[in-house]
Amino acid sequence: MPCQGRCPDRRRARGGTHRGRTGVRSVKRLPLIFVSLLGACNPQAGGEPVTRVDLENPGKAAMPAPIPTPVTTGACQTVTFEDAQFTHCVADPARHRITTMLGNPPYRSFKAYAAARAADAPAPAFAVNAGMFDDAGKPVGYYVREGERGQELNRNDGAGNFHMKPNGVFFGTAGKWRVMTADAFYAQVGDRPQFGTQSGPMLLVDGKLHPEITDDGPSRTIRNGVGIDAAGRAHFVISDSAVSFGKLARFYRDVLKTPNALYLDGSVSALWDPATGRMDARAPIGPMIVVEETSQ
C-alpha cells in the first residue's frame, strides 16, 4: 500500500446407549412376500443416498450414507485464531520456488499478471502482495528479482507503517529463505539474494512482538505478513477480516512459532490462490511474491 499519507497505524498500533432386546417378532410369511413384491416394483431412485436400518432398533433409521467431498490439495487453508479467520499458505523449499514480480510498468493486479504469464511458466501455487509501494506501484524499499536489484535498502526515517522501526526484509536464494530486520540485513548480508522485498514493521523479532505493537491495539484492517519456521518453510498469512497488528503478530508467535515475522501490508493485502479460484482485487498493488510449484 502506498506509504505516503495513507499509513495511520503508527499512532494507533500501541495502542452408551442402553442395548436392550432386539424386539424382532415372528410374522406370517404372506405379508413378508407382499412387502418384497412392493420393493421389487418400487426400486430406490438412482443416485439417492442409501438409508440403512438399525436392526436392533427397528424404529430408528440410520443417517444416509455421506456423499464424499473433494479434498483441497492446495498450499492454503482457512484457520481461526481468537475468533478471527485467517488464510494460511505455506511455501515449502522441497516443492516450491519463490520469486518476486513487479512488471514494467507494474502489473498492479493479479489479473494482469496472470494474463501476462508465459504459457510454459511453472504452475503458481499462490501469490501475495509483497511490501509497500509508491503511487506508481513501485517499491519504496529493497527489491530484488532474479538477482537484479530494482531498489536499494531503505534505512531512512519517516512516517507510516514502513518506517516503524525495526522494519525488515524477506529474501532468499536457492530454497533458503529468511526474514531479518533491515539493520541486520545491512550488517550481515553481503551477497545479493535471488529475491528480496522490504516492508515494515517487523511483527516479531527474535520471538518478541515489535516494541510499538501491543497485544491487540485499536487499529483494525485487513493485514498480511510472512514468517519462516525452524524447518525453513515460509508462512504467508492474510486476515479474512479486519484485525489488529498484535493479533496477527501473536498468530505468528503462538501458532506458527516463527521467531521473526514481517508485516507486508494492510488494507490492500491480497491473495491469489489458484486451487480455490480466489483472486483478491481490493485495490491496486505493487510488487508481488509468487510461489511456484517445482514438483507435483
C-alpha atoms as a PDB file:
ATOM      1  CA  MET A   1       0.000   0.000   0.000  1.00  0.00           C
ATOM      2  CA  PRO A   2       1.376   3.432  -0.714  1.00  0.00           C
ATOM      3  CA  CYS A   3       3.011   4.682   2.429  1.00  0.00           C
ATOM      4  CA  GLN A   4       2.626   8.348   1.586  1.00  0.00           C
ATOM      5  CA  GLY A   5      -0.232   9.838   3.549  1.00  0.00           C
ATOM      6  CA  ARG A   6      -2.061   6.508   3.872  1.00  0.00           C
ATOM      7  CA  CYS A   7      -0.415   4.814   6.803  1.00  0.00           C
ATOM      8  CA  PRO A   8      -2.156   5.986  10.016  1.00  0.00           C
ATOM      9  CA  ASP A   9      -1.417   2.870  12.009  1.00  0.00           C
ATOM     10  CA  ARG A  10       1.831   4.064  13.603  1.00  0.00           C
ATOM     11  CA  ARG A  11      -0.046   6.114  16.196  1.00  0.00           C
ATOM     12  CA  ARG A  12      -2.722   3.511  16.822  1.00  0.00           C
ATOM     13  CA  ALA A  13      -0.675   0.357  16.832  1.00  0.00           C
ATOM     14  CA  ARG A  14       0.283   0.807  20.514  1.00  0.00           C
ATOM     15  CA  GLY A  15      -2.310   1.004  21.344  1.00  0.00           C
ATOM     16  CA  GLY A  16     -23.786 -45.882  25.692  1.00  0.00           C
ATOM     17  CA  THR A  17     -26.597 -46.190  24.631  1.00  0.00           C
ATOM     18  CA  HIS A  18     -28.587 -48.835  26.510  1.00  0.00           C
ATOM     19  CA  ARG A  19     -28.686 -52.017  24.468  1.00  0.00           C
ATOM     20  CA  GLY A  20     -31.979 -53.813  25.075  1.00  0.00           C
ATOM     21  CA  ARG A  21     -33.752 -56.753  23.488  1.00  0.00           C
ATOM     22  CA  THR A  22     -33.841 -56.897  19.737  1.00  0.00           C
ATOM     23  CA  GLY A  23     -37.612 -56.569  19.539  1.00  0.00           C
ATOM     24  CA  VAL A  24     -37.725 -58.815  16.438  1.00  0.00           C
ATOM     25  CA  ARG A  25     -41.015 -60.737  16.339  1.00  0.00           C
ATOM     26  CA  SER A  26     -42.112 -63.646  14.196  1.00  0.00           C
ATOM     27  CA  VAL A  27     -44.577 -62.740  11.438  1.00  0.00           C
ATOM     28  CA  LYS A  28     -46.559 -64.633   8.860  1.00  0.00           C
ATOM     29  CA  ARG A  29     -44.896 -65.315   5.533  1.00  0.00           C
ATOM     30  CA  LEU A  30     -47.635 -63.801   3.372  1.00  0.00           C
ATOM     31  CA  PRO A  31     -47.042 -60.168   4.484  1.00  0.00           C
ATOM     32  CA  LEU A  32     -43.311 -60.613   4.009  1.00  0.00           C
ATOM     33  CA  ILE A  33     -43.812 -61.829   0.449  1.00  0.00           C
ATOM     34  CA  PHE A  34     -46.158 -58.900  -0.207  1.00  0.00           C
ATOM     35  CA  VAL A  35     -43.591 -56.395   1.102  1.00  0.00           C
ATOM     36  CA  SER A  36     -40.873 -57.972  -1.040  1.00  0.00           C
ATOM     37  CA  LEU A  37     -43.028 -57.636  -4.140  1.00  0.00           C
ATOM     38  CA  LEU A  38     -43.674 -53.977  -3.370  1.00  0.00           C
ATOM     39  CA  GLY A  39     -39.938 -53.387  -3.060  1.00  0.00           C
ATOM     40  CA  ALA A  40     -39.350 -55.013  -6.422  1.00  0.00           C
ATOM     41  CA  CYS A  41     -41.957 -52.803  -8.069  1.00  0.00           C
ATOM     42  CA  ASN A  42     -40.620 -49.618  -6.483  1.00  0.00           C
ATOM     43  CA  PRO A  43     -36.814 -49.693  -6.696  1.00  0.00           C
ATOM     44  CA  GLN A  44     -34.877 -46.912  -4.992  1.00  0.00           C
ATOM     45  CA  ALA A  45     -34.195 -43.986  -7.293  1.00  0.00           C
ATOM     46  CA  GLY A  46     -30.726 -43.964  -8.780  1.00  0.00           C
ATOM     47  CA  GLY A  47     -28.266 -41.586  -7.146  1.00  0.00           C
ATOM     48  CA  GLU A  48     -30.155 -41.316  -3.842  1.00  0.00           C
ATOM     49  CA  PRO A  49     -28.143 -41.966  -0.680  1.00  0.00           C
ATOM     50  CA  VAL A  50     -28.817 -45.423   0.774  1.00  0.00           C
ATOM     51  CA  THR A  51     -30.727 -45.380   4.080  1.00  0.00           C
ATOM     52  CA  ARG A  52     -29.630 -48.153   6.404  1.00  0.00           C
ATOM     53  CA  VAL A  53     -31.996 -49.594   9.037  1.00  0.00           C
ATOM     54  CA  ASP A  54     -30.794 -50.304  12.559  1.00  0.00           C
ATOM     55  CA  LEU A  55     -31.916 -53.923  13.067  1.00  0.00           C
ATOM     56  CA  GLU A  56     -31.621 -53.692  16.847  1.00  0.00           C
ATOM     57  CA  ASN A  57     -33.802 -50.557  16.897  1.00  0.00           C
ATOM     58  CA  PRO A  58     -36.312 -51.042  14.049  1.00  0.00           C
ATOM     59  CA  GLY A  59     -37.982 -47.700  14.657  1.00  0.00           C
ATOM     60  CA  LYS A  60     -34.731 -45.787  14.240  1.00  0.00           C
ATOM     61  CA  ALA A  61     -33.287 -45.194  10.781  1.00  0.00           C
ATOM     62  CA  ALA A  62     -29.574 -44.512  10.424  1.00  0.00           C
ATOM     63  CA  MET A  63     -28.343 -41.357   8.720  1.00  0.00           C
ATOM     64  CA  PRO A  64     -27.974 -41.520   4.913  1.00  0.00           C
ATOM     65  CA  ALA A  65     -24.576 -42.612   3.643  1.00  0.00           C
ATOM     66  CA  PRO A  66     -22.400 -39.474   3.386  1.00  0.00           C
ATOM     67  CA  ILE A  67     -21.570 -38.061  -0.025  1.00  0.00           C
ATOM     68  CA  PRO A  68     -17.776 -37.705  -0.430  1.00  0.00           C
ATOM     69  CA  THR A  69     -16.496 -34.146  -0.594  1.00  0.00           C
ATOM     70  CA  PRO A  70     -13.440 -33.045  -2.593  1.00  0.00           C
ATOM     71  CA  VAL A  71     -10.176 -32.683  -0.690  1.00  0.00           C
ATOM     72  CA  THR A  72      -8.252 -29.447  -1.167  1.00  0.00           C
ATOM     73  CA  THR A  73      -4.655 -30.177  -2.092  1.00  0.00           C
ATOM     74  CA  GLY A  74      -3.518 -26.568  -2.425  1.00  0.00           C
ATOM     75  CA  ALA A  75      -0.996 -24.766  -0.245  1.00  0.00           C
ATOM     76  CA  CYS A  76      -3.577 -22.573   1.527  1.00  0.00           C
ATOM     77  CA  GLN A  77      -6.126 -23.318   4.214  1.00  0.00           C
ATOM     78  CA  THR A  78      -8.502 -21.338   6.403  1.00  0.00           C
ATOM     79  CA  VAL A  79      -7.761 -21.237  10.125  1.00  0.00           C
ATOM     80  CA  THR A  80      -9.334 -19.494  13.114  1.00  0.00           C
ATOM     81  CA  PHE A  81      -7.380 -17.725  15.837  1.00  0.00           C
ATOM     82  CA  GLU A  82      -9.123 -15.900  18.679  1.00  0.00           C
ATOM     83  CA  ASP A  83     -12.415 -15.781  16.757  1.00  0.00           C
ATOM     84  CA  ALA A  84     -10.711 -14.236  13.717  1.00  0.00           C
ATOM     85  CA  GLN A  85     -10.408 -16.083  10.425  1.00  0.00           C
ATOM     86  CA  PHE A  86      -7.127 -16.175   8.525  1.00  0.00           C
ATOM     87  CA  THR A  87      -5.958 -17.796   5.308  1.00  0.00           C
ATOM     88  CA  HIS A  88      -2.630 -19.525   5.901  1.00  0.00           C
ATOM     89  CA  CYS A  89      -0.446 -20.503   2.930  1.00  0.00           C
ATOM     90  CA  VAL A  90       2.783 -22.484   3.272  1.00  0.00           C
ATOM     91  CA  ALA A  91       5.725 -22.480   0.868  1.00  0.00           C
ATOM     92  CA  ASP A  92       7.993 -25.499   1.293  1.00  0.00           C
ATOM     93  CA  PRO A  93      11.538 -25.408  -0.160  1.00  0.00           C
ATOM     94  CA  ALA A  94      11.154 -29.089  -1.077  1.00  0.00           C
ATOM     95  CA  ARG A  95       8.360 -28.353  -3.542  1.00  0.00           C
ATOM     96  CA  HIS A  96       8.195 -24.601  -4.121  1.00  0.00           C
ATOM     97  CA  ARG A  97      10.206 -21.763  -5.591  1.00  0.00           C
ATOM     98  CA  ILE A  98       9.707 -18.150  -4.509  1.00  0.00           C
ATOM     99  CA  THR A  99      10.203 -15.175  -6.773  1.00  0.00           C
ATOM    100  CA  THR A 100       9.218 -11.524  -6.763  1.00  0.00           C
ATOM    101  CA  MET A 101       7.265  -9.865  -9.551  1.00  0.00           C
ATOM    102  CA  LEU A 102       6.534  -6.267 -10.468  1.00  0.00           C
ATOM    103  CA  GLY A 103       6.205  -5.732 -14.217  1.00  0.00           C
ATOM    104  CA  ASN A 104       7.313  -2.763 -16.315  1.00  0.00           C
ATOM    105  CA  PRO A 105       5.078  -0.885 -15.957  1.00  0.00           C
ATOM    106  CA  PRO A 106       3.872  -2.530 -12.747  1.00  0.00           C
ATOM    107  CA  TYR A 107       1.049  -5.032 -13.214  1.00  0.00           C
ATOM    108  CA  ARG A 108      -0.864  -3.590 -10.231  1.00  0.00           C
ATOM    109  CA  SER A 109      -3.150  -6.673 -10.053  1.00  0.00           C
ATOM    110  CA  PHE A 110      -3.033 -10.465 -10.057  1.00  0.00           C
ATOM    111  CA  LYS A 111      -5.388 -10.494 -13.034  1.00  0.00           C
ATOM    112  CA  ALA A 112      -2.958  -8.518 -15.186  1.00  0.00           C
ATOM    113  CA  TYR A 113      -0.029 -10.608 -14.007  1.00  0.00           C
ATOM    114  CA  ALA A 114      -1.841 -13.900 -14.669  1.00  0.00           C
ATOM    115  CA  ALA A 115      -2.709 -12.761 -18.189  1.00  0.00           C
ATOM    116  CA  ALA A 116       0.948 -11.932 -18.878  1.00  0.00           C
ATOM    117  CA  ARG A 117       2.392 -15.212 -17.589  1.00  0.00           C
ATOM    118  CA  ALA A 118       4.098 -17.360 -20.205  1.00  0.00           C
ATOM    119  CA  ALA A 119       2.231 -20.500 -21.209  1.00  0.00           C
ATOM    120  CA  ASP A 120       5.192 -22.668 -20.175  1.00  0.00           C
ATOM    121  CA  ALA A 121       5.749 -20.928 -16.815  1.00  0.00           C
ATOM    122  CA  PRO A 122       5.744 -23.154 -13.714  1.00  0.00           C
ATOM    123  CA  ALA A 123       2.331 -23.590 -12.129  1.00  0.00           C
ATOM    124  CA  PRO A 124       1.667 -20.927  -9.485  1.00  0.00           C
ATOM    125  CA  ALA A 125       0.851 -22.330  -6.042  1.00  0.00           C
ATOM    126  CA  PHE A 126      -0.232 -18.891  -4.806  1.00  0.00           C
ATOM    127  CA  ALA A 127       0.810 -15.241  -4.811  1.00  0.00           C
ATOM    128  CA  VAL A 128       0.539 -12.334  -2.367  1.00  0.00           C
ATOM    129  CA  ASN A 129       1.312  -8.629  -2.331  1.00  0.00           C
ATOM    130  CA  ALA A 130       4.960  -8.014  -1.461  1.00  0.00           C
ATOM    131  CA  GLY A 131       5.639  -4.933   0.579  1.00  0.00           C
ATOM    132  CA  MET A 132       4.844  -1.250   0.293  1.00  0.00           C
ATOM    133  CA  PHE A 133       4.993   0.949  -2.782  1.00  0.00           C
ATOM    134  CA  ASP A 134       4.540   4.459  -4.101  1.00  0.00           C
ATOM    135  CA  ASP A 135       1.675   5.930  -6.106  1.00  0.00           C
ATOM    136  CA  ALA A 136       3.060   4.405  -9.310  1.00  0.00           C
ATOM    137  CA  GLY A 137       3.170   0.931  -7.773  1.00  0.00           C
ATOM    138  CA  LYS A 138       6.953   0.837  -7.432  1.00  0.00           C
ATOM    139  CA  PRO A 139       8.557  -0.437  -4.203  1.00  0.00           C
ATOM    140  CA  VAL A 140       9.682   2.134  -1.648  1.00  0.00           C
ATOM    141  CA  GLY A 141      12.213  -0.257  -0.134  1.00  0.00           C
ATOM    142  CA  TYR A 142      14.655  -3.003  -1.085  1.00  0.00           C
ATOM    143  CA  TYR A 143      13.533  -5.023  -4.083  1.00  0.00           C
ATOM    144  CA  VAL A 144      15.359  -7.780  -5.970  1.00  0.00           C
ATOM    145  CA  ARG A 145      14.078 -10.068  -8.711  1.00  0.00           C
ATOM    146  CA  GLU A 146      16.137 -12.905 -10.198  1.00  0.00           C
ATOM    147  CA  GLY A 147      19.287 -11.425  -8.673  1.00  0.00           C
ATOM    148  CA  GLU A 148      18.701  -7.985 -10.203  1.00  0.00           C
ATOM    149  CA  ARG A 149      18.235  -5.156  -7.731  1.00  0.00           C
ATOM    150  CA  GLY A 150      15.441  -2.768  -8.576  1.00  0.00           C
ATOM    151  CA  GLN A 151      15.579  -0.700  -5.393  1.00  0.00           C
ATOM    152  CA  GLU A 152      18.192  -0.224  -2.690  1.00  0.00           C
ATOM    153  CA  LEU A 153      17.656  -0.889   1.009  1.00  0.00           C
ATOM    154  CA  ASN A 154      15.713   1.985   2.566  1.00  0.00           C
ATOM    155  CA  ARG A 155      17.013   2.851   6.049  1.00  0.00           C
ATOM    156  CA  ASN A 156      15.535   6.341   6.181  1.00  0.00           C
ATOM    157  CA  ASP A 157      13.306   7.623   8.948  1.00  0.00           C
ATOM    158  CA  GLY A 158       9.790   8.742   8.162  1.00  0.00           C
ATOM    159  CA  ALA A 159       6.091   8.420   8.896  1.00  0.00           C
ATOM    160  CA  GLY A 160       3.820   5.456   8.338  1.00  0.00           C
ATOM    161  CA  ASN A 161       3.991   1.723   8.888  1.00  0.00           C
ATOM    162  CA  PHE A 162       7.017   1.188   6.657  1.00  0.00           C
ATOM    163  CA  HIS A 163       9.134   3.388   8.930  1.00  0.00           C
ATOM    164  CA  MET A 164       8.005   1.795  12.210  1.00  0.00           C
ATOM    165  CA  LYS A 165      11.466   0.528  13.051  1.00  0.00           C
ATOM    166  CA  PRO A 166      12.641  -2.067  13.048  1.00  0.00           C
ATOM    167  CA  ASN A 167      11.269  -2.798   9.619  1.00  0.00           C
ATOM    168  CA  GLY A 168      12.608  -5.767   7.691  1.00  0.00           C
ATOM    169  CA  VAL A 169      13.472  -7.741   4.577  1.00  0.00           C
ATOM    170  CA  PHE A 170      12.136 -11.058   3.286  1.00  0.00           C
ATOM    171  CA  PHE A 171      14.687 -12.623   0.948  1.00  0.00           C
ATOM    172  CA  GLY A 172      16.171 -15.882  -0.250  1.00  0.00           C
ATOM    173  CA  THR A 173      18.341 -17.859  -2.615  1.00  0.00           C
ATOM    174  CA  ALA A 174      18.008 -21.481  -3.769  1.00  0.00           C
ATOM    175  CA  GLY A 175      15.347 -22.515  -1.285  1.00  0.00           C
ATOM    176  CA  LYS A 176      16.931 -20.829   1.737  1.00  0.00           C
ATOM    177  CA  TRP A 177      14.525 -18.125   2.839  1.00  0.00           C
ATOM    178  CA  ARG A 178      14.878 -15.639   5.668  1.00  0.00           C
ATOM    179  CA  VAL A 179      13.217 -12.705   7.409  1.00  0.00           C
ATOM    180  CA  MET A 180      15.571 -10.182   9.047  1.00  0.00           C
ATOM    181  CA  THR A 181      15.413  -6.642  10.341  1.00  0.00           C
ATOM    182  CA  ALA A 182      16.674  -4.110   7.810  1.00  0.00           C
ATOM    183  CA  ASP A 183      19.606  -3.217  10.069  1.00  0.00           C
ATOM    184  CA  ALA A 184      20.619  -6.862  10.471  1.00  0.00           C
ATOM    185  CA  PHE A 185      20.307  -7.399   6.728  1.00  0.00           C
ATOM    186  CA  TYR A 186      22.530  -4.382   6.068  1.00  0.00           C
ATOM    187  CA  ALA A 187      25.165  -5.569   8.545  1.00  0.00           C
ATOM    188  CA  GLN A 188      25.181  -9.300   7.808  1.00  0.00           C
ATOM    189  CA  VAL A 189      24.157  -9.980   4.207  1.00  0.00           C
ATOM    190  CA  GLY A 190      26.900  -9.335   1.678  1.00  0.00           C
ATOM    191  CA  ASP A 191      25.730 -11.351  -1.319  1.00  0.00           C
ATOM    192  CA  ARG A 192      22.714 -10.222  -3.262  1.00  0.00           C
ATOM    193  CA  PRO A 193      19.872 -12.758  -2.956  1.00  0.00           C
ATOM    194  CA  GLN A 194      17.812 -14.124  -5.823  1.00  0.00           C
ATOM    195  CA  PHE A 195      14.752 -12.318  -4.499  1.00  0.00           C
ATOM    196  CA  GLY A 196      14.073  -9.758  -1.807  1.00  0.00           C
ATOM    197  CA  THR A 197      11.442  -7.303  -0.651  1.00  0.00           C
ATOM    198  CA  GLN A 198      11.424  -4.766   2.180  1.00  0.00           C
ATOM    199  CA  SER A 199       8.430  -3.785   4.270  1.00  0.00           C
ATOM    200  CA  GLY A 200       7.544  -2.758   7.783  1.00  0.00           C
ATOM    201  CA  PRO A 201       7.140  -3.010  10.579  1.00  0.00           C
ATOM    202  CA  MET A 202       8.561  -6.295  11.751  1.00  0.00           C
ATOM    203  CA  LEU A 203       5.810  -8.184  13.573  1.00  0.00           C
ATOM    204  CA  LEU A 204       8.190 -10.395  15.542  1.00  0.00           C
ATOM    205  CA  VAL A 205      11.881 -10.004  16.294  1.00  0.00           C
ATOM    206  CA  ASP A 206      13.551 -12.995  17.953  1.00  0.00           C
ATOM    207  CA  GLY A 207      10.188 -14.263  19.184  1.00  0.00           C
ATOM    208  CA  LYS A 208       9.041 -10.946  20.672  1.00  0.00           C
ATOM    209  CA  LEU A 209       6.436  -8.501  19.422  1.00  0.00           C
ATOM    210  CA  HIS A 210       7.677  -5.308  17.795  1.00  0.00           C
ATOM    211  CA  PRO A 211       8.169  -2.752  20.606  1.00  0.00           C
ATOM    212  CA  GLU A 212       5.423  -0.471  19.224  1.00  0.00           C
ATOM    213  CA  ILE A 213       2.865  -3.262  18.764  1.00  0.00           C
ATOM    214  CA  THR A 214       0.543  -4.134  21.640  1.00  0.00           C
ATOM    215  CA  ASP A 215      -1.257  -7.466  22.048  1.00  0.00           C
ATOM    216  CA  ASP A 216      -4.460  -6.212  20.429  1.00  0.00           C
ATOM    217  CA  GLY A 217      -4.405  -2.499  19.637  1.00  0.00           C
ATOM    218  CA  PRO A 218      -7.362  -0.427  18.385  1.00  0.00           C
ATOM    219  CA  SER A 219      -6.292  -0.167  14.720  1.00  0.00           C
ATOM    220  CA  ARG A 220      -8.151  -2.710  12.566  1.00  0.00           C
ATOM    221  CA  THR A 221      -7.740  -3.552   8.871  1.00  0.00           C
ATOM    222  CA  ILE A 222      -7.088  -6.492   6.542  1.00  0.00           C
ATOM    223  CA  ARG A 223      -3.433  -7.408   7.095  1.00  0.00           C
ATOM    224  CA  ASN A 224      -0.888  -9.913   5.833  1.00  0.00           C
ATOM    225  CA  GLY A 225       2.645 -11.000   6.643  1.00  0.00           C
ATOM    226  CA  VAL A 226       5.348 -13.624   6.226  1.00  0.00           C
ATOM    227  CA  GLY A 227       7.490 -15.622   8.631  1.00  0.00           C
ATOM    228  CA  ILE A 228       9.941 -18.533   8.417  1.00  0.00           C
ATOM    229  CA  ASP A 229       9.749 -21.532  10.757  1.00  0.00           C
ATOM    230  CA  ALA A 230      12.582 -23.712  12.080  1.00  0.00           C
ATOM    231  CA  ALA A 231      12.210 -26.091   9.122  1.00  0.00           C
ATOM    232  CA  GLY A 232      12.769 -23.257   6.637  1.00  0.00           C
ATOM    233  CA  ARG A 233       9.177 -23.086   5.413  1.00  0.00           C
ATOM    234  CA  ALA A 234       7.663 -19.690   4.616  1.00  0.00           C
ATOM    235  CA  HIS A 235       4.281 -18.986   6.214  1.00  0.00           C
ATOM    236  CA  PHE A 236       2.136 -16.391   4.466  1.00  0.00           C
ATOM    237  CA  VAL A 237      -0.938 -15.271   6.409  1.00  0.00           C
ATOM    238  CA  ILE A 238      -3.712 -12.885   5.394  1.00  0.00           C
ATOM    239  CA  SER A 239      -6.626 -11.986   7.636  1.00  0.00           C
ATOM    240  CA  ASP A 240     -10.085 -12.511   6.182  1.00  0.00           C
ATOM    241  CA  SER A 241     -11.463  -9.670   8.285  1.00  0.00           C
ATOM    242  CA  ALA A 242     -10.064  -6.559   9.920  1.00  0.00           C
ATOM    243  CA  VAL A 243      -7.601  -7.376  12.730  1.00  0.00           C
ATOM    244  CA  SER A 244      -5.001  -5.576  14.823  1.00  0.00           C
ATOM    245  CA  PHE A 245      -1.238  -5.697  14.367  1.00  0.00           C
ATOM    246  CA  GLY A 246      -0.995  -7.573  17.654  1.00  0.00           C
ATOM    247  CA  LYS A 247      -3.391 -10.358  16.739  1.00  0.00           C
ATOM    248  CA  LEU A 248      -1.518 -11.089  13.511  1.00  0.00           C
ATOM    249  CA  ALA A 249       1.822 -10.943  15.333  1.00  0.00           C
ATOM    250  CA  ARG A 250       0.649 -13.300  18.071  1.00  0.00           C
ATOM    251  CA  PHE A 251      -0.677 -15.751  15.483  1.00  0.00           C
ATOM    252  CA  TYR A 252       2.859 -15.982  14.128  1.00  0.00           C
ATOM    253  CA  ARG A 253       4.337 -16.235  17.613  1.00  0.00           C
ATOM    254  CA  ASP A 254       1.885 -18.579  19.326  1.00  0.00           C
ATOM    255  CA  VAL A 255       0.621 -20.775  16.480  1.00  0.00           C
ATOM    256  CA  LEU A 256       3.198 -20.779  13.692  1.00  0.00           C
ATOM    257  CA  LYS A 257       6.225 -20.471  16.003  1.00  0.00           C
ATOM    258  CA  THR A 258       8.218 -18.276  13.634  1.00  0.00           C
ATOM    259  CA  PRO A 259      10.940 -16.334  15.512  1.00  0.00           C
ATOM    260  CA  ASN A 260      10.789 -13.453  13.028  1.00  0.00           C
ATOM    261  CA  ALA A 261       7.811 -12.251  11.021  1.00  0.00           C
ATOM    262  CA  LEU A 262       7.395  -9.294   8.678  1.00  0.00           C
ATOM    263  CA  TYR A 263       4.284  -7.228   8.043  1.00  0.00           C
ATOM    264  CA  LEU A 264       3.696  -6.994   4.292  1.00  0.00           C
ATOM    265  CA  ASP A 265       0.794  -4.539   4.140  1.00  0.00           C
ATOM    266  CA  GLY A 266      -2.731  -3.651   5.215  1.00  0.00           C
ATOM    267  CA  SER A 267      -5.987  -2.615   3.525  1.00  0.00           C
ATOM    268  CA  VAL A 268      -4.683  -3.578   0.061  1.00  0.00           C
ATOM    269  CA  SER A 269      -3.479  -7.001   1.249  1.00  0.00           C
ATOM    270  CA  ALA A 270      -4.309  -9.588  -1.402  1.00  0.00           C
ATOM    271  CA  LEU A 271      -4.020 -13.304  -2.184  1.00  0.00           C
ATOM    272  CA  TRP A 272      -4.208 -15.285  -5.408  1.00  0.00           C
ATOM    273  CA  ASP A 273      -4.924 -18.951  -4.712  1.00  0.00           C
ATOM    274  CA  PRO A 274      -5.494 -20.825  -8.000  1.00  0.00           C
ATOM    275  CA  ALA A 275      -6.516 -24.023  -6.168  1.00  0.00           C
ATOM    276  CA  THR A 276      -9.662 -22.347  -4.837  1.00  0.00           C
ATOM    277  CA  GLY A 277     -10.158 -19.737  -7.537  1.00  0.00           C
ATOM    278  CA  ARG A 278      -9.548 -16.881  -5.126  1.00  0.00           C
ATOM    279  CA  MET A 279      -8.072 -13.750  -6.692  1.00  0.00           C
ATOM    280  CA  ASP A 280      -8.329 -10.686  -4.443  1.00  0.00           C
ATOM    281  CA  ALA A 281      -8.630  -7.272  -6.076  1.00  0.00           C
ATOM    282  CA  ARG A 282      -9.332  -4.798  -3.276  1.00  0.00           C
ATOM    283  CA  ALA A 283      -7.089  -2.070  -4.678  1.00  0.00           C
ATOM    284  CA  PRO A 284      -4.080  -1.679  -6.997  1.00  0.00           C
ATOM    285  CA  ILE A 285      -0.971  -3.319  -5.552  1.00  0.00           C
ATOM    286  CA  GLY A 286       2.754  -3.018  -6.216  1.00  0.00           C
ATOM    287  CA  PRO A 287       5.373  -5.773  -6.061  1.00  0.00           C
ATOM    288  CA  MET A 288       4.209  -9.365  -5.646  1.00  0.00           C
ATOM    289  CA  ILE A 289       5.584 -12.536  -4.115  1.00  0.00           C
ATOM    290  CA  VAL A 290       4.883 -15.524  -6.367  1.00  0.00           C
ATOM    291  CA  VAL A 291       5.222 -19.090  -5.087  1.00  0.00           C
ATOM    292  CA  GLU A 292       5.623 -21.609  -7.906  1.00  0.00           C
ATOM    293  CA  GLU A 293       5.438 -25.393  -7.923  1.00  0.00           C
ATOM    294  CA  THR A 294       8.708 -27.207  -8.564  1.00  0.00           C
ATOM    295  CA  SER A 295       7.266 -30.724  -8.041  1.00  0.00           C
ATOM    296  CA  GLN A 296       3.786 -32.198  -8.253  1.00  0.00           C
END
